């Protein structure tokens, strides 16, 4: 697996890492930063998915519907014979929470925040395990 756009990949990796680290910092005071923690979890996964796509294809999708990013990631897994799709499940769950966290009137509760943090961290580990040549070979 050769990275076809290392410079752009690195930019998305940096964004993903910043979002993930910010999520962890704010999670220490989750009561005051619940929505921020949720959005940072979601955006860390989106940026890491973008890094994978850019590294493999040279471009990232510009989707109005972020679920398309999950379908694209699924295609990358299929073409590389990656059978472990748990990371995609974590990614889909996070994407499914985006509107609730950012736009809806209901509150993103503490259990949902904990789950978002867990899924963002698990997606990160999964991505680096299965796309290490693209994400680490810079």
N, C-alpha and C. Protein backbone atom coordinates (compact mmCIF):
# COMPACT_ATOMS: atom_id res chain seq x y z
N UNK A 1 0.85 -1.17 0.00
CA UNK A 1 0.00 0.00 0.00
C UNK A 1 0.90 1.24 0.00
N UNK A 2 0.95 1.90 -1.10
CA UNK A 2 1.78 3.09 -1.22
C UNK A 2 0.91 4.33 -1.05
N UNK A 3 1.43 5.31 -0.34
CA UNK A 3 0.72 6.56 -0.14
C UNK A 3 0.94 7.44 -1.37
N UNK A 4 -0.16 7.83 -2.04
CA UNK A 4 -0.04 8.60 -3.27
C UNK A 4 -0.02 10.11 -3.04
N UNK A 5 -0.31 10.56 -1.80
CA UNK A 5 -0.26 11.99 -1.50
C UNK A 5 0.14 12.19 -0.04
N UNK A 6 1.43 11.96 0.26
CA UNK A 6 1.88 12.02 1.65
C UNK A 6 1.66 13.38 2.33
N UNK A 7 1.84 14.48 1.60
CA UNK A 7 1.70 15.80 2.22
C UNK A 7 0.26 16.04 2.68
N UNK A 8 -0.70 15.75 1.83
CA UNK A 8 -2.11 15.94 2.20
C UNK A 8 -2.51 14.95 3.29
N UNK A 9 -2.03 13.73 3.20
CA UNK A 9 -2.33 12.73 4.22
C UNK A 9 -1.87 13.22 5.58
N UNK A 10 -0.68 13.76 5.62
CA UNK A 10 -0.13 14.25 6.88
C UNK A 10 -0.98 15.39 7.45
N UNK A 11 -1.51 16.24 6.60
CA UNK A 11 -2.37 17.33 7.08
C UNK A 11 -3.63 16.78 7.73
N UNK A 12 -4.24 15.76 7.13
CA UNK A 12 -5.45 15.17 7.71
C UNK A 12 -5.13 14.38 8.98
N UNK A 13 -3.97 13.72 9.01
CA UNK A 13 -3.56 13.02 10.22
C UNK A 13 -3.38 14.01 11.36
N UNK A 14 -2.77 15.14 11.06
CA UNK A 14 -2.56 16.17 12.09
C UNK A 14 -3.90 16.68 12.62
N UNK A 15 -4.85 16.94 11.72
CA UNK A 15 -6.18 17.39 12.15
C UNK A 15 -6.83 16.32 13.04
N UNK A 16 -6.79 15.08 12.58
CA UNK A 16 -7.39 13.99 13.34
C UNK A 16 -6.78 13.90 14.73
N UNK A 17 -5.46 14.02 14.81
CA UNK A 17 -4.78 13.94 16.10
C UNK A 17 -5.14 15.13 16.98
N UNK A 18 -5.21 16.31 16.42
CA UNK A 18 -5.60 17.49 17.20
C UNK A 18 -7.01 17.33 17.76
N UNK A 19 -7.93 16.87 16.92
CA UNK A 19 -9.30 16.65 17.39
C UNK A 19 -9.33 15.59 18.50
N UNK A 20 -8.58 14.51 18.31
CA UNK A 20 -8.57 13.42 19.29
C UNK A 20 -7.97 13.89 20.62
N UNK A 21 -6.86 14.62 20.53
CA UNK A 21 -6.23 15.10 21.77
C UNK A 21 -7.11 16.14 22.47
N UNK A 22 -7.75 17.00 21.70
CA UNK A 22 -8.68 17.97 22.29
C UNK A 22 -9.85 17.27 22.96
N UNK A 23 -10.35 16.22 22.32
CA UNK A 23 -11.43 15.42 22.89
C UNK A 23 -11.02 14.87 24.26
N UNK A 24 -9.81 14.34 24.33
CA UNK A 24 -9.33 13.76 25.59
C UNK A 24 -9.17 14.82 26.67
N UNK A 25 -8.65 15.96 26.31
CA UNK A 25 -8.47 17.04 27.28
C UNK A 25 -9.81 17.53 27.83
N UNK A 26 -10.74 17.81 26.95
CA UNK A 26 -12.04 18.33 27.38
C UNK A 26 -12.87 17.27 28.09
N UNK A 27 -12.62 16.02 27.80
CA UNK A 27 -13.36 14.94 28.44
C UNK A 27 -13.10 14.88 29.94
N UNK A 28 -11.99 15.46 30.39
CA UNK A 28 -11.70 15.51 31.83
C UNK A 28 -12.73 16.38 32.57
N UNK A 29 -13.40 17.27 31.86
CA UNK A 29 -14.43 18.14 32.44
C UNK A 29 -15.69 18.03 31.57
N UNK A 30 -16.12 16.80 31.34
CA UNK A 30 -17.17 16.51 30.37
C UNK A 30 -18.46 17.28 30.66
N UNK A 31 -18.77 17.55 31.90
CA UNK A 31 -19.99 18.26 32.24
C UNK A 31 -20.07 19.64 31.62
N UNK A 32 -18.93 20.27 31.44
CA UNK A 32 -18.88 21.61 30.86
C UNK A 32 -18.63 21.61 29.36
N UNK A 33 -18.20 20.47 28.82
CA UNK A 33 -17.79 20.44 27.41
C UNK A 33 -18.40 19.28 26.64
N UNK A 34 -19.54 18.80 27.08
CA UNK A 34 -20.17 17.61 26.51
C UNK A 34 -20.28 17.66 24.98
N UNK A 35 -20.86 18.72 24.46
CA UNK A 35 -21.04 18.82 23.01
C UNK A 35 -19.72 18.92 22.28
N UNK A 36 -18.78 19.65 22.86
CA UNK A 36 -17.46 19.78 22.24
C UNK A 36 -16.75 18.44 22.18
N UNK A 37 -16.82 17.69 23.25
CA UNK A 37 -16.19 16.37 23.27
C UNK A 37 -16.80 15.49 22.18
N UNK A 38 -18.13 15.51 22.06
CA UNK A 38 -18.80 14.72 21.03
C UNK A 38 -18.38 15.12 19.63
N UNK A 39 -18.37 16.42 19.36
CA UNK A 39 -17.98 16.87 18.02
C UNK A 39 -16.51 16.58 17.71
N UNK A 40 -15.66 16.72 18.70
CA UNK A 40 -14.24 16.41 18.48
C UNK A 40 -14.05 14.92 18.19
N UNK A 41 -14.81 14.07 18.87
CA UNK A 41 -14.73 12.63 18.61
C UNK A 41 -15.13 12.34 17.16
N UNK A 42 -16.23 12.94 16.74
CA UNK A 42 -16.73 12.74 15.38
C UNK A 42 -15.74 13.25 14.34
N UNK A 43 -15.25 14.46 14.56
CA UNK A 43 -14.35 15.05 13.56
C UNK A 43 -12.97 14.40 13.54
N UNK A 44 -12.55 13.82 14.65
CA UNK A 44 -11.29 13.08 14.61
C UNK A 44 -11.41 11.89 13.68
N UNK A 45 -12.55 11.21 13.73
CA UNK A 45 -12.76 10.04 12.86
C UNK A 45 -12.91 10.47 11.39
N UNK A 46 -13.63 11.55 11.16
CA UNK A 46 -13.79 12.03 9.79
C UNK A 46 -12.44 12.40 9.19
N UNK A 47 -11.61 13.11 9.93
CA UNK A 47 -10.30 13.52 9.42
C UNK A 47 -9.39 12.32 9.18
N UNK A 48 -9.47 11.33 10.05
CA UNK A 48 -8.63 10.14 9.85
C UNK A 48 -9.11 9.35 8.63
N UNK A 49 -10.41 9.29 8.43
CA UNK A 49 -10.94 8.67 7.22
C UNK A 49 -10.49 9.43 5.98
N UNK A 50 -10.50 10.75 6.05
CA UNK A 50 -10.00 11.57 4.94
C UNK A 50 -8.52 11.29 4.67
N UNK A 51 -7.75 11.12 5.73
CA UNK A 51 -6.32 10.81 5.57
C UNK A 51 -6.13 9.50 4.82
N UNK A 52 -6.94 8.51 5.16
CA UNK A 52 -6.85 7.22 4.48
C UNK A 52 -7.20 7.37 3.00
N UNK A 53 -8.30 8.06 2.72
CA UNK A 53 -8.72 8.24 1.33
C UNK A 53 -7.70 9.01 0.52
N UNK A 54 -7.18 10.09 1.10
CA UNK A 54 -6.17 10.89 0.40
C UNK A 54 -4.91 10.08 0.16
N UNK A 55 -4.51 9.31 1.15
CA UNK A 55 -3.31 8.49 1.00
C UNK A 55 -3.45 7.42 -0.06
N UNK A 56 -4.64 6.86 -0.18
CA UNK A 56 -4.86 5.77 -1.13
C UNK A 56 -5.22 6.24 -2.54
N UNK A 57 -5.95 7.35 -2.63
CA UNK A 57 -6.46 7.78 -3.94
C UNK A 57 -5.94 9.14 -4.38
N UNK A 58 -5.35 9.89 -3.47
CA UNK A 58 -4.89 11.23 -3.80
C UNK A 58 -5.94 12.30 -3.60
N UNK A 59 -7.15 11.91 -3.22
CA UNK A 59 -8.21 12.89 -2.98
C UNK A 59 -9.15 12.38 -1.90
N UNK A 60 -9.85 13.30 -1.30
CA UNK A 60 -10.85 12.92 -0.31
C UNK A 60 -12.22 13.22 -0.89
N UNK A 61 -13.20 12.50 -0.41
CA UNK A 61 -14.56 12.74 -0.87
C UNK A 61 -15.08 14.07 -0.32
N UNK A 62 -15.94 14.69 -1.08
CA UNK A 62 -16.58 15.93 -0.64
C UNK A 62 -18.07 15.63 -0.54
N UNK A 63 -18.43 14.97 0.53
CA UNK A 63 -19.77 14.45 0.69
C UNK A 63 -20.66 15.39 1.48
N UNK A 64 -21.88 15.60 1.00
CA UNK A 64 -22.89 16.27 1.80
C UNK A 64 -23.36 15.31 2.88
N UNK A 65 -23.40 14.04 2.54
CA UNK A 65 -23.80 12.99 3.46
C UNK A 65 -22.53 12.24 3.88
N UNK A 66 -22.15 12.40 5.15
CA UNK A 66 -20.91 11.77 5.61
C UNK A 66 -20.98 10.25 5.59
N UNK A 67 -22.17 9.69 5.51
CA UNK A 67 -22.28 8.23 5.42
C UNK A 67 -21.58 7.71 4.17
N UNK A 68 -21.47 8.56 3.16
CA UNK A 68 -20.75 8.17 1.94
C UNK A 68 -19.27 7.93 2.26
N UNK A 69 -18.73 8.65 3.22
CA UNK A 69 -17.33 8.44 3.63
C UNK A 69 -17.16 7.03 4.21
N UNK A 70 -18.14 6.57 4.95
CA UNK A 70 -18.08 5.21 5.50
C UNK A 70 -18.16 4.18 4.38
N UNK A 71 -19.00 4.43 3.39
CA UNK A 71 -19.08 3.50 2.25
C UNK A 71 -17.76 3.48 1.48
N UNK A 72 -17.15 4.63 1.33
CA UNK A 72 -15.85 4.71 0.65
C UNK A 72 -14.78 3.94 1.43
N UNK A 73 -14.79 4.10 2.75
CA UNK A 73 -13.84 3.37 3.59
C UNK A 73 -14.07 1.87 3.48
N UNK A 74 -15.32 1.47 3.39
CA UNK A 74 -15.65 0.05 3.21
C UNK A 74 -15.08 -0.47 1.89
N UNK A 75 -15.14 0.34 0.84
CA UNK A 75 -14.56 -0.04 -0.46
C UNK A 75 -13.04 -0.20 -0.35
N UNK A 76 -12.40 0.71 0.38
CA UNK A 76 -10.95 0.60 0.58
C UNK A 76 -10.61 -0.71 1.29
N UNK A 77 -11.43 -1.08 2.27
CA UNK A 77 -11.21 -2.34 2.98
C UNK A 77 -11.38 -3.53 2.03
N UNK A 78 -12.43 -3.50 1.25
CA UNK A 78 -12.69 -4.61 0.32
C UNK A 78 -11.56 -4.77 -0.68
N UNK A 79 -11.08 -3.66 -1.23
CA UNK A 79 -10.02 -3.75 -2.24
C UNK A 79 -8.69 -4.20 -1.64
N UNK A 80 -8.53 -4.08 -0.35
CA UNK A 80 -7.30 -4.50 0.32
C UNK A 80 -7.49 -5.78 1.13
N UNK A 81 -8.65 -6.38 0.95
CA UNK A 81 -9.00 -7.64 1.63
C UNK A 81 -8.89 -7.53 3.15
N UNK A 82 -9.37 -6.42 3.67
CA UNK A 82 -9.43 -6.22 5.12
C UNK A 82 -10.80 -6.71 5.57
N UNK A 83 -10.80 -7.81 6.32
CA UNK A 83 -12.07 -8.40 6.72
C UNK A 83 -12.60 -7.83 8.04
N UNK A 84 -11.73 -7.29 8.86
CA UNK A 84 -12.15 -6.69 10.14
C UNK A 84 -12.77 -5.33 9.85
N UNK A 85 -14.10 -5.26 9.97
CA UNK A 85 -14.82 -4.02 9.65
C UNK A 85 -15.32 -3.32 10.91
N UNK A 86 -14.83 -3.71 12.09
CA UNK A 86 -15.31 -3.09 13.32
C UNK A 86 -15.07 -1.58 13.33
N UNK A 87 -13.96 -1.16 12.77
CA UNK A 87 -13.67 0.27 12.71
C UNK A 87 -14.71 1.03 11.93
N UNK A 88 -15.20 0.42 10.86
CA UNK A 88 -16.24 1.07 10.05
C UNK A 88 -17.52 1.19 10.86
N UNK A 89 -17.82 0.19 11.68
CA UNK A 89 -19.00 0.28 12.55
C UNK A 89 -18.87 1.43 13.54
N UNK A 90 -17.69 1.60 14.12
CA UNK A 90 -17.46 2.73 15.03
C UNK A 90 -17.62 4.06 14.29
N UNK A 91 -17.07 4.12 13.10
CA UNK A 91 -17.14 5.32 12.27
C UNK A 91 -18.60 5.66 11.93
N UNK A 92 -19.36 4.66 11.52
CA UNK A 92 -20.77 4.88 11.19
C UNK A 92 -21.55 5.39 12.40
N UNK A 93 -21.29 4.81 13.56
CA UNK A 93 -21.98 5.27 14.76
C UNK A 93 -21.67 6.73 15.02
N UNK A 94 -20.39 7.09 14.95
CA UNK A 94 -20.00 8.49 15.17
C UNK A 94 -20.68 9.41 14.17
N UNK A 95 -20.66 9.04 12.90
CA UNK A 95 -21.30 9.86 11.87
C UNK A 95 -22.79 10.02 12.14
N UNK A 96 -23.40 8.97 12.64
CA UNK A 96 -24.82 9.00 12.95
C UNK A 96 -25.19 9.94 14.09
N UNK A 97 -24.20 10.32 14.89
CA UNK A 97 -24.44 11.22 16.03
C UNK A 97 -24.21 12.69 15.70
N UNK A 98 -23.66 12.95 14.53
CA UNK A 98 -23.23 14.32 14.21
C UNK A 98 -24.38 15.33 14.31
N UNK A 99 -25.50 15.04 13.70
CA UNK A 99 -26.62 15.99 13.75
C UNK A 99 -27.14 16.16 15.17
N UNK A 100 -27.23 15.07 15.91
CA UNK A 100 -27.72 15.15 17.29
C UNK A 100 -26.82 16.04 18.14
N UNK A 101 -25.53 15.91 17.96
CA UNK A 101 -24.58 16.70 18.76
C UNK A 101 -24.59 18.16 18.33
N UNK A 102 -24.58 18.39 17.05
CA UNK A 102 -24.36 19.75 16.55
C UNK A 102 -25.64 20.56 16.33
N UNK A 103 -26.73 19.91 15.97
CA UNK A 103 -27.87 20.68 15.48
C UNK A 103 -29.19 20.47 16.21
N UNK A 104 -29.37 19.32 16.82
CA UNK A 104 -30.67 19.04 17.42
C UNK A 104 -30.79 19.65 18.81
N UNK A 105 -32.02 19.83 19.25
CA UNK A 105 -32.26 20.48 20.53
C UNK A 105 -32.01 19.56 21.72
N UNK A 106 -32.00 18.26 21.50
CA UNK A 106 -31.80 17.36 22.64
C UNK A 106 -30.34 17.35 23.07
N UNK A 107 -30.16 17.05 24.33
CA UNK A 107 -28.84 17.07 24.95
C UNK A 107 -28.11 15.76 24.67
N UNK A 108 -26.83 15.86 24.37
CA UNK A 108 -25.96 14.70 24.20
C UNK A 108 -25.54 14.29 25.61
N UNK A 109 -26.13 13.21 26.15
CA UNK A 109 -25.93 12.87 27.56
C UNK A 109 -24.55 12.25 27.83
N UNK A 110 -24.24 12.11 29.11
CA UNK A 110 -22.92 11.61 29.51
C UNK A 110 -22.61 10.22 28.96
N UNK A 111 -23.60 9.34 28.94
CA UNK A 111 -23.38 7.99 28.39
C UNK A 111 -23.03 8.06 26.90
N UNK A 112 -23.73 8.93 26.18
CA UNK A 112 -23.45 9.09 24.75
C UNK A 112 -22.06 9.67 24.52
N UNK A 113 -21.65 10.59 25.37
CA UNK A 113 -20.31 11.17 25.26
C UNK A 113 -19.26 10.10 25.51
N UNK A 114 -19.46 9.31 26.56
CA UNK A 114 -18.50 8.22 26.85
C UNK A 114 -18.39 7.26 25.67
N UNK A 115 -19.53 6.94 25.09
CA UNK A 115 -19.53 6.03 23.94
C UNK A 115 -18.84 6.67 22.74
N UNK A 116 -19.06 7.95 22.51
CA UNK A 116 -18.40 8.64 21.40
C UNK A 116 -16.89 8.63 21.57
N UNK A 117 -16.43 8.89 22.78
CA UNK A 117 -14.98 8.88 23.06
C UNK A 117 -14.42 7.48 22.81
N UNK A 118 -15.12 6.48 23.32
CA UNK A 118 -14.67 5.10 23.14
C UNK A 118 -14.61 4.72 21.66
N UNK A 119 -15.63 5.08 20.91
CA UNK A 119 -15.67 4.72 19.49
C UNK A 119 -14.63 5.50 18.69
N UNK A 120 -14.39 6.75 19.03
CA UNK A 120 -13.34 7.52 18.35
C UNK A 120 -11.97 6.90 18.60
N UNK A 121 -11.71 6.51 19.84
CA UNK A 121 -10.42 5.89 20.16
C UNK A 121 -10.28 4.54 19.48
N UNK A 122 -11.34 3.77 19.45
CA UNK A 122 -11.29 2.45 18.80
C UNK A 122 -11.14 2.59 17.29
N UNK A 123 -11.81 3.57 16.70
CA UNK A 123 -11.66 3.80 15.27
C UNK A 123 -10.21 4.17 14.95
N UNK A 124 -9.62 5.02 15.78
CA UNK A 124 -8.24 5.44 15.59
C UNK A 124 -7.30 4.24 15.61
N UNK A 125 -7.45 3.38 16.59
CA UNK A 125 -6.60 2.18 16.69
C UNK A 125 -6.82 1.28 15.48
N UNK A 126 -8.07 1.05 15.12
CA UNK A 126 -8.39 0.21 13.97
C UNK A 126 -7.75 0.77 12.70
N UNK A 127 -7.90 2.06 12.47
CA UNK A 127 -7.35 2.68 11.25
C UNK A 127 -5.84 2.51 11.18
N UNK A 128 -5.15 2.77 12.29
CA UNK A 128 -3.70 2.65 12.28
C UNK A 128 -3.25 1.20 12.16
N UNK A 129 -4.05 0.25 12.64
CA UNK A 129 -3.69 -1.16 12.49
C UNK A 129 -3.88 -1.65 11.06
N UNK A 130 -4.93 -1.19 10.39
CA UNK A 130 -5.26 -1.73 9.07
C UNK A 130 -4.75 -0.88 7.90
N UNK A 131 -4.41 0.35 8.15
CA UNK A 131 -3.90 1.23 7.09
C UNK A 131 -2.55 1.84 7.50
N UNK A 132 -1.77 1.05 8.24
CA UNK A 132 -0.51 1.57 8.79
C UNK A 132 0.46 2.04 7.72
N UNK A 133 0.49 1.36 6.58
CA UNK A 133 1.43 1.78 5.53
C UNK A 133 1.09 3.16 5.01
N UNK A 134 -0.18 3.49 4.97
CA UNK A 134 -0.62 4.80 4.48
C UNK A 134 -0.49 5.86 5.56
N UNK A 135 -0.82 5.50 6.80
CA UNK A 135 -0.85 6.49 7.88
C UNK A 135 0.48 6.66 8.59
N UNK A 136 1.31 5.64 8.58
CA UNK A 136 2.59 5.73 9.31
C UNK A 136 3.80 5.82 8.40
N UNK A 137 3.63 5.50 7.16
CA UNK A 137 4.77 5.44 6.27
C UNK A 137 5.11 6.76 5.64
N UNK A 138 5.05 7.83 6.41
CA UNK A 138 5.30 9.17 5.86
C UNK A 138 6.68 9.66 6.19
